[in-house]
């Protein structure tokens, strides 16, 4: 039986690989792991997955030695606007190495940033299409902003310059509007940023009744740090969040997926603060317009009421005048009637008095004496019967032109 040592086998494999791969080969792969060491070298793990099932098809270790890494890293990042990191699909030129002890590996000699840009654009487009298919791209935009935005939940790094600028702009606004802010600290870049922002959203949701809007802000920085804002899971959480989300993540490039699904997207944290101040200014202006309308309405109402009162007063005056004239006329009629009635009564009473006077006069002693009658008295009392005197009584007799005295000499009794 022929046999060889293990080292002979690994040497043959090494020679075969070296002869078969004398020049670098361009390969497409995804970076699943990436770490730098203190010596400036970069160690990666490259993988390939099945596009349909996500099954792992191949995996290999790779190295970018320090002398090449110092050139490739800034070249790639300046070209793509992304950091060289795990999760990216790359097109790299590699040489194939095999070592008897360390096994198979790849040495990265070059990288094509245009491939990654295309892959990033394709991945970004895929996420956008997935969000559209889910029907949630416009969900947060459809929420109505409160008329007065004053209670603000902020997702940001507590030490970020953008966060400080945002608060300074908000708290020193010229109109002296009052805002109530609460920071929910979060990592705003790197591999942990996505989960950190989602956790902050979950904490805000637990106290959702305390806030009007959510503000997600970060200060200026390298555009390579913004990859987390193109995340499907972050976009999913933001799009479906029940409060309006205002984004100001400090970028100047094309909008991120977070910008796409947020209710309102602005370039910088300062711009977000200016937007919130402007919102209150608009609300104040609207309120002043409402007050002006109310004042105008009340003024017109009062003027109309005054005119109505004046008209009523004039009507009352005219009615009273007519009533007075009518009453005066009636009084005049009544007075005339009263005068006539009084006159008639006076005439009747005068006639009665005249008749009484006539009756009295015809029955008076003077009238009787004038017509030949006499009146005799005894001791001052009129004699109406012969029984009132006796023989020898001195009586006085009155006639029309005087009186005289006589003595009774004989009583004459008239027998019935």
Protein backbone atom coordinates (compact mmCIF):
# COMPACT_ATOMS: atom_id res chain seq x y z
CA UNK A 1 0.00 0.00 0.00
CA UNK A 2 1.42 3.36 -1.04
CA UNK A 3 1.16 6.14 1.52
CA UNK A 4 2.37 9.68 2.13
CA UNK A 5 2.62 11.83 5.19
CA UNK A 6 0.07 14.48 6.06
CA UNK A 7 2.64 17.18 5.46
CA UNK A 8 3.30 15.78 1.99
CA UNK A 9 -0.43 15.95 1.28
CA UNK A 10 -0.77 19.52 2.51
CA UNK A 11 2.34 20.46 0.52
CA UNK A 12 0.87 18.98 -2.66
CA UNK A 13 -2.43 20.81 -2.01
CA UNK A 14 -0.51 24.04 -1.41
CA UNK A 15 1.47 23.62 -4.66
CA UNK A 16 -1.69 22.75 -6.59
CA UNK A 17 -3.53 25.79 -5.30
CA UNK A 18 -0.55 28.05 -5.89
CA UNK A 19 -0.16 26.85 -9.48
CA UNK A 20 -3.88 27.00 -10.15
CA UNK A 21 -4.42 30.47 -8.65
CA UNK A 22 -1.29 32.37 -9.58
CA UNK A 23 -3.16 35.68 -10.04
CA UNK A 24 -5.82 37.31 -7.84
CA UNK A 25 -9.43 36.27 -8.46
CA UNK A 26 -12.47 38.54 -8.07
CA UNK A 27 -15.15 36.91 -5.90
CA UNK A 28 -18.57 38.02 -4.63
CA UNK A 29 -19.31 37.37 -0.96
CA UNK A 30 -20.93 38.77 2.15
CA UNK A 31 -18.87 39.88 5.13
CA UNK A 32 -20.27 37.96 8.11
CA UNK A 33 -17.54 38.97 10.58
CA UNK A 34 -14.95 41.74 10.61
CA UNK A 35 -12.42 42.73 13.25
CA UNK A 36 -9.34 44.92 13.32
CA UNK A 37 -6.34 44.15 15.48
CA UNK A 38 -3.79 46.41 17.05
CA UNK A 39 -1.30 45.65 14.31
CA UNK A 40 -3.53 47.23 11.68
CA UNK A 41 -4.56 43.96 10.04
CA UNK A 42 -8.22 43.17 9.30
CA UNK A 43 -9.63 39.67 9.74
CA UNK A 44 -12.85 38.70 8.03
CA UNK A 45 -15.18 35.81 7.50
CA UNK A 46 -16.71 35.71 4.03
CA UNK A 47 -19.86 33.72 3.34
CA UNK A 48 -22.29 32.95 0.53
CA UNK A 49 -25.97 32.20 1.08
CA UNK A 50 -28.66 30.76 -1.14
CA UNK A 51 -30.71 33.73 -2.36
CA UNK A 52 -34.00 31.86 -1.92
CA UNK A 53 -33.56 29.80 1.24
CA UNK A 54 -30.79 31.79 2.98
CA UNK A 55 -28.93 28.50 3.39
CA UNK A 56 -25.19 28.83 3.88
CA UNK A 57 -23.41 27.63 0.73
CA UNK A 58 -19.79 28.54 1.48
CA UNK A 59 -17.62 30.11 4.16
CA UNK A 60 -13.97 31.15 4.28
CA UNK A 61 -11.59 33.12 6.42
CA UNK A 62 -9.93 36.13 4.80
CA UNK A 63 -7.26 38.62 5.75
CA UNK A 64 -6.46 42.15 4.65
CA UNK A 65 -2.92 42.85 5.69
CA UNK A 66 -2.19 46.21 7.26
CA UNK A 67 -0.29 47.68 4.29
CA UNK A 68 -3.30 47.05 2.02
CA UNK A 69 -6.00 47.73 4.65
CA UNK A 70 -4.68 51.25 5.25
CA UNK A 71 -5.49 52.06 1.60
CA UNK A 72 -8.58 49.94 0.97
CA UNK A 73 -10.63 51.07 4.00
CA UNK A 74 -10.69 54.86 3.33
CA UNK A 75 -11.05 54.25 -0.42
CA UNK A 76 -14.08 52.02 0.08
CA UNK A 77 -15.75 54.25 2.66
CA UNK A 78 -15.28 57.50 0.76
CA UNK A 79 -16.63 55.85 -2.40
CA UNK A 80 -19.68 54.16 -0.87
CA UNK A 81 -20.50 56.41 2.08
CA UNK A 82 -20.53 53.24 4.20
CA UNK A 83 -18.09 51.78 6.67
CA UNK A 84 -16.51 48.47 5.80
CA UNK A 85 -18.53 46.29 8.14
CA UNK A 86 -20.31 43.00 8.62
CA UNK A 87 -23.45 42.56 6.57
CA UNK A 88 -22.14 44.16 3.38
CA UNK A 89 -21.92 42.33 0.07
CA UNK A 90 -18.55 42.97 -1.53
CA UNK A 91 -16.61 42.23 -4.67
CA UNK A 92 -13.00 41.61 -3.68
CA UNK A 93 -9.86 40.48 -5.45
CA UNK A 94 -8.23 37.64 -3.47
CA UNK A 95 -5.31 35.34 -3.64
CA UNK A 96 -5.87 31.81 -2.46
CA UNK A 97 -3.60 30.49 0.27
CA UNK A 98 -3.25 27.12 1.86
CA UNK A 99 -1.04 26.38 4.85
CA UNK A 100 -0.30 22.99 6.25
CA UNK A 101 -1.14 24.13 9.80
CA UNK A 102 -3.59 27.00 9.35
CA UNK A 103 -5.48 25.60 6.41
CA UNK A 104 -7.32 27.38 3.61
CA UNK A 105 -7.60 31.20 3.60
CA UNK A 106 -7.96 34.17 1.32
CA UNK A 107 -5.85 37.31 1.19
CA UNK A 108 -7.78 40.36 0.03
CA UNK A 109 -5.77 42.50 -2.36
CA UNK A 110 -8.41 44.88 -3.77
CA UNK A 111 -12.08 45.82 -3.48
CA UNK A 112 -14.62 47.23 -5.95
CA UNK A 113 -16.79 49.83 -4.18
CA UNK A 114 -19.16 50.21 -7.16
CA UNK A 115 -20.36 46.63 -6.63
CA UNK A 116 -21.18 47.34 -2.97
CA UNK A 117 -22.96 50.55 -3.94
CA UNK A 118 -25.11 48.56 -6.33
CA UNK A 119 -25.71 45.89 -3.72
CA UNK A 120 -26.59 48.51 -1.11
CA UNK A 121 -28.97 50.21 -3.51
CA UNK A 122 -30.55 46.88 -4.39
CA UNK A 123 -30.86 45.95 -0.71
CA UNK A 124 -32.33 49.36 0.09
CA UNK A 125 -34.79 49.07 -2.78
CA UNK A 126 -35.74 45.58 -1.60
CA UNK A 127 -36.49 46.92 1.90
CA UNK A 128 -38.55 49.79 0.48
CA UNK A 129 -40.54 47.41 -1.70
CA UNK A 130 -41.10 45.12 1.26
CA UNK A 131 -42.39 48.06 3.33
CA UNK A 132 -44.68 49.07 0.46
CA UNK A 133 -45.92 45.51 0.15
CA UNK A 134 -46.62 45.52 3.89
CA UNK A 135 -48.69 48.69 3.34
CA UNK A 136 -46.98 50.63 6.12
CA UNK A 137 -44.81 53.26 4.37
CA UNK A 138 -47.46 55.99 4.85
CA UNK A 139 -48.83 54.85 8.23
CA UNK A 140 -46.88 57.26 10.41
CA UNK A 141 -47.33 60.10 7.92
CA UNK A 142 -51.10 59.66 8.18
CA UNK A 143 -51.09 60.47 11.89
CA UNK A 144 -52.33 63.97 12.64
CA UNK A 145 -49.85 66.28 14.33
CA UNK A 146 -51.22 67.82 17.53
CA UNK A 147 -52.08 71.52 17.26
CA UNK A 148 -49.70 72.25 20.13
CA UNK A 149 -46.51 70.11 20.10
CA UNK A 150 -44.89 70.66 23.49
CA UNK A 151 -44.33 67.21 25.07
CA UNK A 152 -41.41 65.68 23.19
CA UNK A 153 -39.83 62.24 23.56
CA UNK A 154 -36.26 62.38 22.25
CA UNK A 155 -34.20 59.44 21.00
CA UNK A 156 -30.56 60.46 20.82
CA UNK A 157 -27.18 59.92 22.35
CA UNK A 158 -27.00 61.93 25.57
CA UNK A 159 -23.51 63.19 24.70
CA UNK A 160 -24.19 64.04 21.05
CA UNK A 161 -23.51 67.63 20.02
CA UNK A 162 -26.69 67.52 17.94
CA UNK A 163 -28.75 66.77 21.04
CA UNK A 164 -27.25 69.78 22.82
CA UNK A 165 -27.87 72.01 19.80
CA UNK A 166 -31.47 70.78 19.63
CA UNK A 167 -32.18 71.61 23.29
CA UNK A 168 -30.41 74.98 23.07
CA UNK A 169 -32.45 75.97 20.01
CA UNK A 170 -35.67 74.73 21.59
CA UNK A 171 -35.24 76.32 25.02
CA UNK A 172 -33.98 79.70 23.79
CA UNK A 173 -36.64 80.36 21.18
CA UNK A 174 -37.43 84.07 20.71
CA UNK A 175 -41.15 83.56 21.38
CA UNK A 176 -40.37 81.97 24.78
CA UNK A 177 -42.54 78.94 24.05
CA UNK A 178 -42.28 76.23 26.72
CA UNK A 179 -41.36 72.66 25.71
CA UNK A 180 -41.30 69.57 27.92
CA UNK A 181 -38.59 67.14 26.79
CA UNK A 182 -37.61 63.65 27.92
CA UNK A 183 -34.48 61.94 26.60
CA UNK A 184 -34.50 58.20 25.91
CA UNK A 185 -30.76 57.55 25.43
CA UNK A 186 -29.77 55.37 22.52
CA UNK A 187 -26.76 54.28 20.52
CA UNK A 188 -27.03 56.17 17.23
CA UNK A 189 -24.42 54.44 15.06
CA UNK A 190 -22.81 51.05 14.59
CA UNK A 191 -24.12 47.51 14.72
CA UNK A 192 -26.01 48.01 18.01
CA UNK A 193 -27.81 51.20 16.96
CA UNK A 194 -30.82 49.50 15.36
CA UNK A 195 -31.75 47.47 18.45
CA UNK A 196 -30.96 50.38 20.77
CA UNK A 197 -33.34 52.75 18.93
CA UNK A 198 -36.08 50.11 18.84
CA UNK A 199 -35.70 49.58 22.61
CA UNK A 200 -36.04 53.35 23.14
CA UNK A 201 -39.26 53.32 21.09
CA UNK A 202 -40.61 50.52 23.27
CA UNK A 203 -39.89 52.54 26.43
CA UNK A 204 -41.69 55.55 24.96
CA UNK A 205 -44.66 53.34 24.06
CA UNK A 206 -44.99 52.36 27.73
CA UNK A 207 -45.64 56.06 28.56
CA UNK A 208 -47.19 57.09 25.27
CA UNK A 209 -49.91 59.30 26.83
CA UNK A 210 -47.21 61.65 28.16
CA UNK A 211 -45.94 62.73 24.73
CA UNK A 212 -47.11 64.49 21.58
CA UNK A 213 -44.35 63.37 19.19
CA UNK A 214 -41.13 61.35 19.04
CA UNK A 215 -37.95 63.05 17.79
CA UNK A 216 -35.07 60.89 16.52
CA UNK A 217 -31.91 63.00 16.15
CA UNK A 218 -28.17 62.63 15.83
CA UNK A 219 -25.48 65.20 15.20
CA UNK A 220 -23.18 65.48 12.25
CA UNK A 221 -20.69 62.73 11.55
CA UNK A 222 -19.42 60.39 8.89
CA UNK A 223 -22.05 59.21 6.49
CA UNK A 224 -20.64 55.73 7.02
CA UNK A 225 -22.33 55.71 10.42
CA UNK A 226 -25.87 55.96 9.02
CA UNK A 227 -26.37 52.39 7.87
CA UNK A 228 -28.62 51.58 10.84
CA UNK A 229 -31.23 54.02 9.51
CA UNK A 230 -31.68 51.83 6.41
CA UNK A 231 -32.82 48.91 8.54
CA UNK A 232 -36.10 47.09 7.77
CA UNK A 233 -36.85 46.37 11.44
CA UNK A 234 -36.27 49.98 12.50
CA UNK A 235 -38.40 51.23 9.61
CA UNK A 236 -41.13 48.72 10.55
CA UNK A 237 -41.20 49.93 14.16
CA UNK A 238 -41.17 53.62 13.21
CA UNK A 239 -43.81 53.31 10.50
CA UNK A 240 -46.26 51.59 12.86
CA UNK A 241 -45.52 53.73 15.92
CA UNK A 242 -48.72 55.42 17.21
CA UNK A 243 -47.10 58.86 17.69
CA UNK A 244 -45.79 61.04 14.84
CA UNK A 245 -42.03 60.58 14.41
CA UNK A 246 -39.85 63.53 13.37
CA UNK A 247 -36.39 62.56 12.12
CA UNK A 248 -33.31 64.78 12.02
CA UNK A 249 -30.32 62.50 11.68
CA UNK A 250 -27.82 65.05 10.37
CA UNK A 251 -27.15 63.81 6.84
CA UNK A 252 -26.72 65.56 3.53
CA UNK A 253 -26.94 62.53 1.22
CA UNK A 254 -30.06 60.90 -0.16
CA UNK A 255 -32.77 60.23 2.36
CA UNK A 256 -32.58 57.10 4.51
CA UNK A 257 -35.38 54.57 4.85
CA UNK A 258 -36.11 56.05 8.28
CA UNK A 259 -36.66 59.44 6.57
CA UNK A 260 -38.97 57.69 4.11
CA UNK A 261 -41.31 56.25 6.76
CA UNK A 262 -41.12 59.03 9.39
CA UNK A 263 -44.00 61.48 9.64
CA UNK A 264 -41.61 64.41 9.01
CA UNK A 265 -37.98 64.31 7.94
CA UNK A 266 -35.53 67.21 8.35
CA UNK A 267 -31.81 67.48 7.73
CA UNK A 268 -30.48 68.34 11.19
CA UNK A 269 -31.48 68.40 14.88
CA UNK A 270 -31.48 72.21 14.75
CA UNK A 271 -33.90 72.08 11.82
CA UNK A 272 -36.18 69.83 13.89
CA UNK A 273 -36.12 72.35 16.76
CA UNK A 274 -36.93 75.18 14.34
CA UNK A 275 -39.80 73.10 12.95
CA UNK A 276 -41.28 72.56 16.43
CA UNK A 277 -40.95 76.26 17.28
CA UNK A 278 -42.57 77.16 13.95
CA UNK A 279 -45.41 74.76 14.73
CA UNK A 280 -46.20 76.60 17.97
CA UNK A 281 -45.80 79.95 16.22
CA UNK A 282 -48.34 78.85 13.61
CA UNK A 283 -50.67 77.69 16.39
CA UNK A 284 -50.28 81.05 18.14
CA UNK A 285 -51.01 82.87 14.87
CA UNK A 286 -54.06 80.67 14.31
CA UNK A 287 -55.19 81.42 17.85
CA UNK A 288 -54.77 85.15 17.29
CA UNK A 289 -56.78 84.83 14.08
CA UNK A 290 -59.50 83.02 16.02
CA UNK A 291 -59.44 85.74 18.69
CA UNK A 292 -59.68 88.39 15.97
CA UNK A 293 -62.64 86.57 14.43
CA UNK A 294 -64.28 86.27 17.84
CA UNK A 295 -63.69 89.98 18.55
CA UNK A 296 -65.07 90.89 15.11
CA UNK A 297 -68.07 88.61 15.62
CA UNK A 298 -68.74 89.92 19.14
CA UNK A 299 -68.33 93.53 17.99
CA UNK A 300 -70.77 93.00 15.13
CA UNK A 301 -73.13 91.14 17.43
CA UNK A 302 -73.05 93.97 19.97
CA UNK A 303 -73.52 96.59 17.27
CA UNK A 304 -76.42 94.63 15.82
CA UNK A 305 -77.94 94.24 19.27
CA UNK A 306 -77.50 97.97 19.94
CA UNK A 307 -79.19 98.74 16.63
CA UNK A 308 -81.97 96.32 17.52
CA UNK A 309 -82.32 97.93 20.95
CA UNK A 310 -82.38 101.38 19.36
CA UNK A 311 -85.05 100.20 16.94
CA UNK A 312 -87.05 98.67 19.79
CA UNK A 313 -86.57 101.85 21.82
CA UNK A 314 -87.78 103.93 18.85
CA UNK A 315 -90.72 101.61 18.38
CA UNK A 316 -91.55 101.84 22.08
CA UNK A 317 -91.20 105.64 21.94
CA UNK A 318 -93.46 105.80 18.91
CA UNK A 319 -95.90 103.40 20.53
CA UNK A 320 -95.88 105.40 23.74
CA UNK A 321 -96.37 108.61 21.78
CA UNK A 322 -99.30 107.07 19.92
CA UNK A 323 -100.64 105.71 23.21
CA UNK A 324 -100.29 109.12 24.88
CA UNK A 325 -101.98 110.85 21.94
CA UNK A 326 -104.72 108.26 21.96
CA UNK A 327 -105.10 108.50 25.72
CA UNK A 328 -105.13 112.30 25.54
CA UNK A 329 -107.81 112.13 22.89
CA UNK A 330 -109.81 109.66 24.94
CA UNK A 331 -109.28 111.80 28.04
CA UNK A 332 -110.48 114.81 26.14
CA UNK A 333 -113.54 112.91 25.03
CA UNK A 334 -114.09 111.62 28.58
CA UNK A 335 -113.50 115.09 29.98
CA UNK A 336 -116.01 116.54 27.51
CA UNK A 337 -118.48 113.83 28.38
CA UNK A 338 -117.80 114.32 32.07
CA UNK A 339 -118.26 118.06 31.70
CA UNK A 340 -121.57 117.51 29.88
CA UNK A 341 -122.69 114.98 32.46
CA UNK A 342 -121.72 117.30 35.31
CA UNK A 343 -123.52 120.15 33.62
CA UNK A 344 -126.62 118.03 33.23
CA UNK A 345 -126.40 116.93 36.86
CA UNK A 346 -125.91 120.52 37.99
CA UNK A 347 -128.88 121.63 35.92
CA UNK A 348 -131.04 118.83 37.35
CA UNK A 349 -129.91 119.55 40.87
CA UNK A 350 -130.43 123.26 40.35
CA UNK A 351 -133.94 122.58 39.12
CA UNK A 352 -134.58 120.43 42.15
CA UNK A 353 -133.23 123.16 44.37
CA UNK A 354 -135.46 125.67 42.68
CA UNK A 355 -138.41 123.35 43.10
CA UNK A 356 -137.56 122.77 46.73
CA UNK A 357 -137.07 126.44 47.23
CA UNK A 358 -140.49 127.06 45.65
CA UNK A 359 -142.05 124.44 47.85
CA UNK A 360 -140.39 125.87 50.92
CA UNK A 361 -141.40 129.36 49.96
CA UNK A 362 -145.07 128.39 49.41
CA UNK A 363 -145.13 126.73 52.79
CA UNK A 364 -143.37 129.48 54.72
CA UNK A 365 -145.19 131.75 57.25
CA UNK A 366 -144.20 134.76 55.25
CA UNK A 367 -145.93 133.31 52.16
CA UNK A 368 -149.05 132.54 54.21
CA UNK A 369 -149.12 135.96 55.82
CA UNK A 370 -148.64 137.60 52.43
CA UNK A 371 -151.74 135.83 51.17
CA UNK A 372 -154.04 136.91 54.03
CA UNK A 373 -153.37 134.23 56.58
CA UNK A 374 -152.47 135.00 60.23
CA UNK A 375 -150.42 133.20 62.81
CA UNK A 376 -151.27 133.36 66.49
CA UNK A 377 -148.90 132.36 69.29
CA UNK A 378 -149.27 131.89 73.00
CA UNK A 379 -146.16 132.16 75.09
CA UNK A 380 -144.11 132.05 71.87
CA UNK A 381 -145.66 128.85 70.59
CA UNK A 382 -147.87 128.73 67.52
CA UNK A 383 -151.54 128.03 68.31
CA UNK A 384 -152.87 125.25 66.17
CA UNK A 385 -155.81 124.25 68.38
CA UNK A 386 -158.42 126.08 70.53
CA UNK A 387 -157.53 123.74 73.29
CA UNK A 388 -154.20 125.51 73.65
CA UNK A 389 -155.84 128.71 75.12
CA UNK A 390 -158.47 129.65 77.66
CA UNK A 391 -160.39 132.75 78.56
CA UNK A 392 -158.24 135.57 79.69
CA UNK A 393 -154.99 134.34 77.90
CA UNK A 394 -153.09 137.03 76.10
CA UNK A 395 -152.16 135.91 72.61
CA UNK A 396 -150.08 137.55 69.86
CA UNK A 397 -151.28 137.52 66.26
CA UNK A 398 -149.02 138.07 63.23
CA UNK A 399 -150.22 139.57 59.95
CA UNK A 400 -148.36 140.47 56.76
CA UNK A 401 -147.48 143.96 57.87
CA UNK A 402 -146.98 143.47 61.64
CA UNK A 403 -148.45 141.87 64.75
CA UNK A 404 -150.78 142.73 67.64
CA UNK A 405 -151.89 141.33 71.03
CA UNK A 406 -155.40 140.35 72.11
CA UNK A 407 -157.09 138.72 75.11
CA UNK A 408 -159.35 135.67 74.88
CA UNK A 409 -162.76 136.67 76.13
CA UNK A 410 -164.58 133.52 75.27
CA UNK A 411 -163.56 130.00 74.41
CA UNK A 412 -165.36 128.64 71.42
CA UNK A 413 -165.20 124.90 71.22
CA UNK A 414 -165.98 123.18 67.98
CA UNK A 415 -167.69 119.92 68.54
CA UNK A 416 -167.06 117.11 66.17
